PDB file of N, CA and C in Angstrom:
ATOM      1  N   MET A   1    -105.302  78.515  40.652  1.00  0.00           N
ATOM      2  CA  MET A   1    -105.156  79.199  39.349  1.00  0.00           C
ATOM      3  C   MET A   1    -106.008  80.529  39.247  1.00  0.00           C
ATOM      4  N   ARG A   2    -106.990  80.141  39.769  1.00  0.00           N
ATOM      5  CA  ARG A   2    -107.915  81.261  39.753  1.00  0.00           C
ATOM      6  C   ARG A   2    -107.439  82.641  40.898  1.00  0.00           C
ATOM      7  N   LYS A   3    -107.033  82.220  41.835  1.00  0.00           N
ATOM      8  CA  LYS A   3    -106.405  83.064  42.674  1.00  0.00           C
ATOM      9  C   LYS A   3    -105.361  84.014  42.226  1.00  0.00           C
ATOM     10  N   GLY A   4    -104.355  83.313  41.410  1.00  0.00           N
ATOM     11  CA  GLY A   4    -103.467  83.912  40.534  1.00  0.00           C
ATOM     12  C   GLY A   4    -104.031  84.923  39.654  1.00  0.00           C
ATOM     13  N   VAL A   5    -105.055  84.270  38.879  1.00  0.00           N
ATOM     14  CA  VAL A   5    -105.600  85.256  37.986  1.00  0.00           C
ATOM     15  C   VAL A   5    -106.263  86.674  38.715  1.00  0.00           C
ATOM     16  N   LEU A   6    -106.900  86.344  39.804  1.00  0.00           N
ATOM     17  CA  LEU A   6    -107.666  87.275  40.472  1.00  0.00           C
ATOM     18  C   LEU A   6    -106.692  88.360  41.139  1.00  0.00           C
ATOM     19  N   GLU A   7    -105.523  87.813  41.619  1.00  0.00           N
ATOM     20  CA  GLU A   7    -104.359  88.754  41.722  1.00  0.00           C
ATOM     21  C   GLU A   7    -104.018  89.637  40.663  1.00  0.00           C
ATOM     22  N   TYR A   8    -103.680  89.164  39.502  1.00  0.00           N
ATOM     23  CA  TYR A   8    -103.463  89.662  38.292  1.00  0.00           C
ATOM     24  C   TYR A   8    -104.242  90.830  37.913  1.00  0.00           C
ATOM     25  N   CYS A   9    -105.761  90.315  37.979  1.00  0.00           N
ATOM     26  CA  CYS A   9    -106.573  91.421  37.668  1.00  0.00           C
ATOM     27  C   CYS A   9    -106.800  92.373  38.754  1.00  0.00           C
ATOM     28  N   ILE A  10    -106.676  92.353  40.001  1.00  0.00           N
ATOM     29  CA  ILE A  10    -106.376  93.444  40.919  1.00  0.00           C
ATOM     30  C   ILE A  10    -105.198  94.329  40.424  1.00  0.00           C
ATOM     31  N   LEU A  11    -104.269  93.853  40.203  1.00  0.00           N
ATOM     32  CA  LEU A  11    -103.266  94.687  39.956  1.00  0.00           C
ATOM     33  C   LEU A  11    -103.223  95.429  38.540  1.00  0.00           C
ATOM     34  N   SER A  12    -103.946  94.946  37.820  1.00  0.00           N
ATOM     35  CA  SER A  12    -104.294  95.464  36.430  1.00  0.00           C
ATOM     36  C   SER A  12    -105.282  96.602  36.806  1.00  0.00           C
ATOM     37  N   ILE A  13    -106.231  96.569  37.390  1.00  0.00           N
ATOM     38  CA  ILE A  13    -107.159  97.333  37.778  1.00  0.00           C
ATOM     39  C   ILE A  13    -106.454  98.780  38.469  1.00  0.00           C
ATOM     40  N   LEU A  14    -105.369  98.467  39.436  1.00  0.00           N
ATOM     41  CA  LEU A  14    -104.939  99.384  40.146  1.00  0.00           C
ATOM     42  C   LEU A  14    -103.906  99.858  39.411  1.00  0.00           C
ATOM     43  N   SER A  15    -103.443  99.426  37.950  1.00  0.00           N
ATOM     44  CA  SER A  15    -102.339 100.243  37.591  1.00  0.00           C
ATOM     45  C   SER A  15    -102.971 101.378  36.646  1.00  0.00           C
ATOM     46  N   ARG A  16    -104.338 101.200  36.500  1.00  0.00           N
ATOM     47  CA  ARG A  16    -105.005 102.409  35.722  1.00  0.00           C
ATOM     48  C   ARG A  16    -105.242 103.487  36.728  1.00  0.00           C
ATOM     49  N   ARG A  17    -105.781 103.187  37.804  1.00  0.00           N
ATOM     50  CA  ARG A  17    -106.046 104.305  38.825  1.00  0.00           C
ATOM     51  C   ARG A  17    -106.027 103.348  40.360  1.00  0.00           C
ATOM     52  N   GLU A  18    -106.151 104.543  41.406  1.00  0.00           N
ATOM     53  CA  GLU A  18    -106.240 104.002  42.721  1.00  0.00           C
ATOM     54  C   GLU A  18    -107.718 103.698  42.622  1.00  0.00           C
ATOM     55  N   ALA A  19    -107.899 102.648  43.825  1.00  0.00           N
ATOM     56  CA  ALA A  19    -109.609 102.379  44.009  1.00  0.00           C
ATOM     57  C   ALA A  19    -109.713 101.880  45.422  1.00  0.00           C
ATOM     58  N   TYR A  20    -110.579 101.903  45.791  1.00  0.00           N
ATOM     59  CA  TYR A  20    -111.249 101.174  47.214  1.00  0.00           C
ATOM     60  C   TYR A  20    -111.572  99.952  46.889  1.00  0.00           C
ATOM     61  N   PRO A  21    -111.807  99.090  47.783  1.00  0.00           N
ATOM     62  CA  PRO A  21    -112.009  97.694  47.554  1.00  0.00           C
ATOM     63  C   PRO A  21    -113.331  97.615  47.044  1.00  0.00           C
ATOM     64  N   SER A  22    -114.472  98.133  47.460  1.00  0.00           N
ATOM     65  CA  SER A  22    -115.646  97.956  46.860  1.00  0.00           C
ATOM     66  C   SER A  22    -115.715  98.540  45.456  1.00  0.00           C
ATOM     67  N   SER A  23    -115.106  99.319  44.947  1.00  0.00           N
ATOM     68  CA  SER A  23    -115.075  99.503  43.583  1.00  0.00           C
ATOM     69  C   SER A  23    -114.006  98.402  42.829  1.00  0.00           C
ATOM     70  N   ILE A  24    -113.092  97.917  43.470  1.00  0.00           N
ATOM     71  CA  ILE A  24    -112.340  96.915  42.752  1.00  0.00           C
ATOM     72  C   ILE A  24    -113.531  95.691  42.370  1.00  0.00           C
ATOM     73  N   ILE A  25    -114.026  95.282  43.517  1.00  0.00           N
ATOM     74  CA  ILE A  25    -115.206  94.432  43.385  1.00  0.00           C
ATOM     75  C   ILE A  25    -116.010  94.430  42.458  1.00  0.00           C
ATOM     76  N   ASP A  26    -116.639  95.912  42.368  1.00  0.00           N
ATOM     77  CA  ASP A  26    -117.750  96.219  41.069  1.00  0.00           C
ATOM     78  C   ASP A  26    -117.120  96.082  39.962  1.00  0.00           C
ATOM     79  N   MET A  27    -115.861  96.425  39.643  1.00  0.00           N
ATOM     80  CA  MET A  27    -115.022  96.279  38.517  1.00  0.00           C
ATOM     81  C   MET A  27    -114.935  94.700  37.916  1.00  0.00           C
ATOM     82  N   LEU A  28    -114.404  94.026  38.893  1.00  0.00           N
ATOM     83  CA  LEU A  28    -114.339  92.414  38.657  1.00  0.00           C
ATOM     84  C   LEU A  28    -115.563  91.879  38.297  1.00  0.00           C
ATOM     85  N   LYS A  29    -116.709  92.220  38.984  1.00  0.00           N
ATOM     86  CA  LYS A  29    -117.977  91.703  38.767  1.00  0.00           C
ATOM     87  C   LYS A  29    -118.562  92.193  37.326  1.00  0.00           C
ATOM     88  N   GLN A  30    -118.104  93.557  37.043  1.00  0.00           N
ATOM     89  CA  GLN A  30    -118.734  93.807  35.698  1.00  0.00           C
ATOM     90  C   GLN A  30    -117.872  93.221  34.758  1.00  0.00           C
ATOM     91  N   ALA A  31    -116.823  92.619  35.091  1.00  0.00           N
ATOM     92  CA  ALA A  31    -116.126  91.753  34.027  1.00  0.00           C
ATOM     93  C   ALA A  31    -116.492  90.464  33.925  1.00  0.00           C
ATOM     94  N   ASN A  32    -117.696  90.132  34.762  1.00  0.00           N
ATOM     95  CA  ASN A  32    -118.189  88.736  34.876  1.00  0.00           C
ATOM     96  C   ASN A  32    -117.334  87.629  35.587  1.00  0.00           C
ATOM     97  N   MET A  33    -116.313  88.100  36.604  1.00  0.00           N
ATOM     98  CA  MET A  33    -115.541  87.407  37.610  1.00  0.00           C
ATOM     99  C   MET A  33    -116.438  87.286  38.722  1.00  0.00           C
ATOM    100  N   LEU A  34    -116.518  85.866  39.350  1.00  0.00           N
ATOM    101  CA  LEU A  34    -117.375  85.881  40.241  1.00  0.00           C
ATOM    102  C   LEU A  34    -116.368  86.033  41.579  1.00  0.00           C
ATOM    103  N   VAL A  35    -116.799  86.964  42.308  1.00  0.00           N
ATOM    104  CA  VAL A  35    -115.798  87.324  43.460  1.00  0.00           C
ATOM    105  C   VAL A  35    -116.833  87.801  44.566  1.00  0.00           C
ATOM    106  N   VAL A  36    -116.176  87.888  45.763  1.00  0.00           N
ATOM    107  CA  VAL A  36    -116.958  88.132  46.958  1.00  0.00           C
ATOM    108  C   VAL A  36    -115.710  89.002  47.881  1.00  0.00           C
ATOM    109  N   GLU A  37    -116.487  89.709  48.823  1.00  0.00           N
ATOM    110  CA  GLU A  37    -115.689  90.472  49.516  1.00  0.00           C
ATOM    111  C   GLU A  37    -114.462  89.800  50.491  1.00  0.00           C
ATOM    112  N   GLY A  38    -115.121  88.633  50.788  1.00  0.00           N
ATOM    113  CA  GLY A  38    -114.184  87.870  51.657  1.00  0.00           C
ATOM    114  C   GLY A  38    -112.949  87.001  50.788  1.00  0.00           C
ATOM    115  N   THR A  39    -112.880  87.252  49.668  1.00  0.00           N
ATOM    116  CA  THR A  39    -111.642  86.765  48.601  1.00  0.00           C
ATOM    117  C   THR A  39    -110.821  87.984  48.518  1.00  0.00           C
ATOM    118  N   VAL A  40    -111.322  89.102  48.031  1.00  0.00           N
ATOM    119  CA  VAL A  40    -110.581  90.315  47.612  1.00  0.00           C
ATOM    120  C   VAL A  40    -109.895  91.030  48.788  1.00  0.00           C
ATOM    121  N   TYR A  41    -110.571  91.187  49.887  1.00  0.00           N
ATOM    122  CA  TYR A  41    -109.792  91.745  51.079  1.00  0.00           C
ATOM    123  C   TYR A  41    -108.761  91.009  51.367  1.00  0.00           C
ATOM    124  N   PRO A  42    -108.705  89.793  51.621  1.00  0.00           N
ATOM    125  CA  PRO A  42    -107.251  88.906  52.021  1.00  0.00           C
ATOM    126  C   PRO A  42    -106.494  89.417  51.066  1.00  0.00           C
ATOM    127  N   LEU A  43    -106.818  89.191  49.669  1.00  0.00           N
ATOM    128  CA  LEU A  43    -106.006  89.397  48.580  1.00  0.00           C
ATOM    129  C   LEU A  43    -104.901  90.862  48.645  1.00  0.00           C
ATOM    130  N   LEU A  44    -106.101  91.781  49.012  1.00  0.00           N
ATOM    131  CA  LEU A  44    -105.588  93.136  49.204  1.00  0.00           C
ATOM    132  C   LEU A  44    -104.492  93.196  50.073  1.00  0.00           C
ATOM    133  N   ILE A  45    -104.603  92.634  51.142  1.00  0.00           N
ATOM    134  CA  ILE A  45    -103.994  92.724  52.529  1.00  0.00           C
ATOM    135  C   ILE A  45    -102.453  92.090  51.951  1.00  0.00           C
ATOM    136  N   ARG A  46    -102.563  90.773  51.560  1.00  0.00           N
ATOM    137  CA  ARG A  46    -101.507  90.004  51.159  1.00  0.00           C
ATOM    138  C   ARG A  46    -100.623  91.115  50.143  1.00  0.00           C
ATOM    139  N   GLN A  47    -101.440  91.240  49.201  1.00  0.00           N
ATOM    140  CA  GLN A  47    -100.638  92.348  48.228  1.00  0.00           C
ATOM    141  C   GLN A  47     -99.720  93.475  48.919  1.00  0.00           C
ATOM    142  N   LYS A  48    -100.565  94.217  49.694  1.00  0.00           N
ATOM    143  CA  LYS A  48    -100.110  95.204  50.607  1.00  0.00           C
ATOM    144  C   LYS A  48     -98.851  94.814  51.221  1.00  0.00           C
ATOM    145  N   ASN A  49     -98.858  93.773  52.061  1.00  0.00           N
ATOM    146  CA  ASN A  49     -97.580  93.260  52.673  1.00  0.00           C
ATOM    147  C   ASN A  49     -96.616  92.859  51.898  1.00  0.00           C
ATOM    148  N   GLN A  50     -96.763  92.422  50.998  1.00  0.00           N
ATOM    149  CA  GLN A  50     -95.662  92.056  49.832  1.00  0.00           C
ATOM    150  C   GLN A  50     -95.123  93.426  49.295  1.00  0.00           C
ATOM    151  N   GLY A  51     -95.398  94.267  49.359  1.00  0.00           N
ATOM    152  CA  GLY A  51     -95.183  95.672  49.146  1.00  0.00           C
ATOM    153  C   GLY A  51     -95.338  96.046  47.752  1.00  0.00           C
ATOM    154  N   LEU A  52     -96.670  95.287  47.347  1.00  0.00           N
ATOM    155  CA  LEU A  52     -96.949  95.688  45.873  1.00  0.00           C
ATOM    156  C   LEU A  52     -97.958  96.727  45.654  1.00  0.00           C
ATOM    157  N   LEU A  53     -98.653  96.820  47.008  1.00  0.00           N
ATOM    158  CA  LEU A  53     -99.649  97.895  46.984  1.00  0.00           C
ATOM    159  C   LEU A  53     -99.483  98.750  48.179  1.00  0.00           C
ATOM    160  N   THR A  54     -99.950 100.175  48.194  1.00  0.00           N
ATOM    161  CA  THR A  54     -99.835 100.782  49.359  1.00  0.00           C
ATOM    162  C   THR A  54    -101.342 101.389  49.233  1.00  0.00           C
ATOM    163  N   TYR A  55    -101.539 102.139  50.226  1.00  0.00           N
ATOM    164  CA  TYR A  55    -102.894 102.950  50.346  1.00  0.00           C
ATOM    165  C   TYR A  55    -102.911 104.361  51.112  1.00  0.00           C
ATOM    166  N   ARG A  56    -104.006 105.174  50.801  1.00  0.00           N
ATOM    167  CA  ARG A  56    -104.494 106.311  51.469  1.00  0.00           C
ATOM    168  C   ARG A  56    -105.695 106.050  52.137  1.00  0.00           C
ATOM    169  N   TRP A  57    -106.045 106.976  53.281  1.00  0.00           N
ATOM    170  CA  TRP A  57    -107.419 107.171  53.564  1.00  0.00           C
ATOM    171  C   TRP A  57    -107.900 108.491  52.961  1.00  0.00           C
ATOM    172  N   GLU A  58    -109.080 108.441  52.577  1.00  0.00           N
ATOM    173  CA  GLU A  58    -109.827 109.396  51.971  1.00  0.00           C
ATOM    174  C   GLU A  58    -111.335 109.476  52.827  1.00  0.00           C
ATOM    175  N   GLU A  59    -111.536 110.770  53.207  1.00  0.00           N
ATOM    176  CA  GLU A  59    -112.860 111.024  53.758  1.00  0.00           C
ATOM    177  C   GLU A  59    -114.018 110.776  52.921  1.00  0.00           C
ATOM    178  N   SER A  60    -115.161 110.130  53.323  1.00  0.00           N
ATOM    179  CA  SER A  60    -116.215 109.663  52.271  1.00  0.00           C
ATOM    180  C   SER A  60    -117.264 110.685  52.757  1.00  0.00           C
ATOM    181  N   PRO A  61    -117.930 111.184  51.666  1.00  0.00           N
ATOM    182  CA  PRO A  61    -119.249 111.961  51.886  1.00  0.00           C
ATOM    183  C   PRO A  61    -120.403 111.151  52.325  1.00  0.00           C
ATOM    184  N   GLN A  62    -120.146 109.593  52.306  1.00  0.00           N
ATOM    185  CA  GLN A  62    -121.284 108.774  52.869  1.00  0.00           C
ATOM    186  C   GLN A  62    -120.619 107.855  53.956  1.00  0.00           C
ATOM    187  N   GLY A  63    -120.366 108.321  54.954  1.00  0.00           N
ATOM    188  CA  GLY A  63    -119.990 106.834  56.031  1.00  0.00           C
ATOM    189  C   GLY A  63    -118.642 107.396  56.125  1.00  0.00           C
ATOM    190  N   PRO A  64    -118.015 106.318  56.736  1.00  0.00           N
ATOM    191  CA  PRO A  64    -116.521 106.315  57.206  1.00  0.00           C
ATOM    192  C   PRO A  64    -115.531 106.450  56.320  1.00  0.00           C
ATOM    193  N   PRO A  65    -114.223 107.001  56.462  1.00  0.00           N
ATOM    194  CA  PRO A  65    -113.337 107.113  55.398  1.00  0.00           C
ATOM    195  C   PRO A  65    -112.903 105.736  54.687  1.00  0.00           C
ATOM    196  N   ARG A  66    -112.486 106.317  53.401  1.00  0.00           N
ATOM    197  CA  ARG A  66    -112.248 104.881  52.801  1.00  0.00           C
ATOM    198  C   ARG A  66    -110.633 104.712  52.471  1.00  0.00           C
ATOM    199  N   LYS A  67    -110.390 103.330  52.318  1.00  0.00           N
ATOM    200  CA  LYS A  67    -109.083 103.082  52.139  1.00  0.00           C
ATOM    201  C   LYS A  67    -108.779 103.087  50.454  1.00  0.00           C
ATOM    202  N   TYR A  68    -107.938 103.869  49.932  1.00  0.00           N
ATOM    203  CA  TYR A  68    -107.857 103.860  48.576  1.00  0.00           C
ATOM    204  C   TYR A  68    -106.529 102.920  48.376  1.00  0.00           C
ATOM    205  N   TYR A  69    -106.272 101.900  47.543  1.00  0.00           N
ATOM    206  CA  TYR A  69    -105.247 101.260  47.330  1.00  0.00           C
ATOM    207  C   TYR A  69    -104.569 101.654  45.936  1.00  0.00           C
ATOM    208  N   MET A  70    -103.297 101.501  45.663  1.00  0.00           N
ATOM    209  CA  MET A  70    -102.296 101.962  44.575  1.00  0.00           C
ATOM    210  C   MET A  70    -101.283 101.145  44.596  1.00  0.00           C
ATOM    211  N   LEU A  71    -100.779 101.010  43.222  1.00  0.00           N
ATOM    212  CA  LEU A  71     -99.534 100.143  43.145  1.00  0.00           C
ATOM    213  C   LEU A  71     -98.377 100.993  43.517  1.00  0.00           C
ATOM    214  N   THR A  72     -97.332 100.168  43.946  1.00  0.00           N
ATOM    215  CA  THR A  72     -96.067 100.807  44.186  1.00  0.00           C
ATOM    216  C   THR A  72     -95.401 100.418  42.907  1.00  0.00           C
ATOM    217  N   ASP A  73     -93.935 100.692  43.202  1.00  0.00           N
ATOM    218  CA  ASP A  73     -93.148 100.347  42.042  1.00  0.00           C
ATOM    219  C   ASP A  73     -92.711  98.804  42.001  1.00  0.00           C
ATOM    220  N   LYS A  74     -92.781  98.365  42.868  1.00  0.00           N
ATOM    221  CA  LYS A  74     -92.525  96.926  42.981  1.00  0.00           C
ATOM    222  C   LYS A  74     -93.885  96.234  42.535  1.00  0.00           C
ATOM    223  N   GLY A  75     -94.982  96.629  42.704  1.00  0.00           N
ATOM    224  CA  GLY A  75     -96.166  96.314  42.397  1.00  0.00           C
ATOM    225  C   GLY A  75     -96.333  96.316  40.577  1.00  0.00           C
ATOM    226  N   ARG A  76     -95.964  97.686  40.189  1.00  0.00           N
ATOM    227  CA  ARG A  76     -95.693  97.725  38.689  1.00  0.00           C
ATOM    228  C   ARG A  76     -94.846  96.768  38.005  1.00  0.00           C
ATOM    229  N   ALA A  77     -93.666  96.450  38.617  1.00  0.00           N
ATOM    230  CA  ALA A  77     -92.859  95.446  38.100  1.00  0.00           C
ATOM    231  C   ALA A  77     -93.443  94.068  38.211  1.00  0.00           C
ATOM    232  N   GLN A  78     -94.333  93.639  39.348  1.00  0.00           N
ATOM    233  CA  GLN A  78     -94.881  92.303  39.412  1.00  0.00           C
ATOM    234  C   GLN A  78     -95.851  92.369  38.293  1.00  0.00           C
ATOM    235  N   LEU A  79     -96.488  93.246  38.033  1.00  0.00           N
ATOM    236  CA  LEU A  79     -97.531  93.427  36.945  1.00  0.00           C
ATOM    237  C   LEU A  79     -97.066  93.100  35.577  1.00  0.00           C
ATOM    238  N   ALA A  80     -95.817  93.820  35.353  1.00  0.00           N
ATOM    239  CA  ALA A  80     -95.130  93.400  33.997  1.00  0.00           C
ATOM    240  C   ALA A  80     -94.765  92.279  33.979  1.00  0.00           C
ATOM    241  N   GLU A  81     -94.158  91.456  35.070  1.00  0.00           N
ATOM    242  CA  GLU A  81     -93.816  90.269  34.966  1.00  0.00           C
ATOM    243  C   GLU A  81     -94.852  89.146  34.796  1.00  0.00           C
ATOM    244  N   MET A  82     -96.122  89.495  35.184  1.00  0.00           N
ATOM    245  CA  MET A  82     -97.578  88.667  35.005  1.00  0.00           C
ATOM    246  C   MET A  82     -98.088  88.927  33.631  1.00  0.00           C
ATOM    247  N   ASP A  83     -97.989  90.088  33.215  1.00  0.00           N
ATOM    248  CA  ASP A  83     -98.224  90.612  31.900  1.00  0.00           C
ATOM    249  C   ASP A  83     -97.342  89.346  31.061  1.00  0.00           C
ATOM    250  N   VAL A  84     -95.849  89.209  31.037  1.00  0.00           N
ATOM    251  CA  VAL A  84     -95.337  88.521  30.165  1.00  0.00           C
ATOM    252  C   VAL A  84     -95.628  87.032  30.409  1.00  0.00           C
ATOM    253  N   ALA A  85     -96.029  86.432  31.593  1.00  0.00           N
ATOM    254  CA  ALA A  85     -96.491  85.009  31.872  1.00  0.00           C
ATOM    255  C   ALA A  85     -97.779  84.917  31.324  1.00  0.00           C
ATOM    256  N   TRP A  86     -98.753  85.864  31.350  1.00  0.00           N
ATOM    257  CA  TRP A  86    -100.036  85.793  31.004  1.00  0.00           C
ATOM    258  C   TRP A  86    -100.087  85.549  29.474  1.00  0.00           C
ATOM    259  N   LYS A  87     -99.094  86.192  28.582  1.00  0.00           N
ATOM    260  CA  LYS A  87     -98.911  86.159  27.160  1.00  0.00           C
ATOM    261  C   LYS A  87     -98.347  84.657  27.003  1.00  0.00           C
ATOM    262  N   GLU A  88     -97.397  84.323  27.533  1.00  0.00           N
ATOM    263  CA  GLU A  88     -97.071  82.801  27.452  1.00  0.00           C
ATOM    264  C   GLU A  88     -97.883  81.794  27.498  1.00  0.00           C
ATOM    265  N   ILE A  89     -98.959  82.060  28.602  1.00  0.00           N
ATOM    266  CA  ILE A  89     -99.919  80.895  29.004  1.00  0.00           C
ATOM    267  C   ILE A  89    -101.034  80.875  27.669  1.00  0.00           C
ATOM    268  N   ILE A  90    -101.203  81.937  27.124  1.00  0.00           N
ATOM    269  CA  ILE A  90    -102.349  82.154  26.183  1.00  0.00           C
ATOM    270  C   ILE A  90    -101.537  81.565  24.841  1.00  0.00           C
ATOM    271  N   GLU A  91    -100.448  82.018  24.449  1.00  0.00           N
ATOM    272  CA  GLU A  91     -99.608  81.396  23.604  1.00  0.00           C
ATOM    273  C   GLU A  91     -99.681  79.918  23.530  1.00  0.00           C
ATOM    274  N   THR A  92     -99.305  79.291  25.020  1.00  0.00           N
ATOM    275  CA  THR A  92     -99.071  77.794  24.815  1.00  0.00           C
ATOM    276  C   THR A  92    -100.607  77.313  24.582  1.00  0.00           C
ATOM    277  N   ILE A  93    -101.694  77.846  25.251  1.00  0.00           N
ATOM    278  CA  ILE A  93    -102.941  77.135  25.000  1.00  0.00           C
ATOM    279  C   ILE A  93    -103.399  77.273  23.573  1.00  0.00           C
ATOM    280  N   ASN A  94    -103.035  78.131  22.962  1.00  0.00           N
ATOM    281  CA  ASN A  94    -103.342  78.437  21.558  1.00  0.00           C
ATOM    282  C   ASN A  94    -102.708  77.340  20.603  1.00  0.00           C
ATOM    283  N   MET A  95    -101.135  77.012  20.804  1.00  0.00           N
ATOM    284  CA  MET A  95    -100.663  76.004  20.396  1.00  0.00           C
ATOM    285  C   MET A  95    -101.139  74.718  20.483  1.00  0.00           C
ATOM    286  N   LEU A  96    -101.696  74.258  21.998  1.00  0.00           N
ATOM    287  CA  LEU A  96    -102.233  73.433  22.053  1.00  0.00           C
ATOM    288  C   LEU A  96    -103.803  72.891  21.514  1.00  0.00           C
ATOM    289  N   LYS A  97    -104.628  74.062  21.219  1.00  0.00           N
ATOM    290  CA  LYS A  97    -105.909  73.833  20.651  1.00  0.00           C
ATOM    291  C   LYS A  97    -105.662  73.795  19.151  1.00  0.00           C
ATOM    292  N   ASN A  98    -104.560  74.511  18.718  1.00  0.00           N
ATOM    293  CA  ASN A  98    -104.675  74.489  17.121  1.00  0.00           C
ATOM    294  C   ASN A  98    -103.800  73.445  16.623  1.00  0.00           C
ATOM    295  N   GLY A  99    -102.942  72.524  17.442  1.00  0.00           N
ATOM    296  CA  GLY A  99    -102.426  71.687  17.009  1.00  0.00           C
ATOM    297  C   GLY A  99    -100.783  71.751  16.498  1.00  0.00           C
TER     298      GLY A  99
END
């Protein structure tokens, strides 16, 4: 379940703007998600291979070029589906909690 939530969070972050992996990890950590590079990088690669993300290279003033990820149209559609599923999960949990 945690992996699915992390995938959802990554798509949500990238729906607002393109980002490179280190900044995605920073945003997740700022939201109090416990993540490590070894978890995020494989997810980004998998989402790219599924056609949900694409990337571009940009020269960095501090070191090697950075890979900036962004959503594809397929990624936006997947995010919309995940938004609906997330709302359904919240409603179900609230119903169970409140009787």
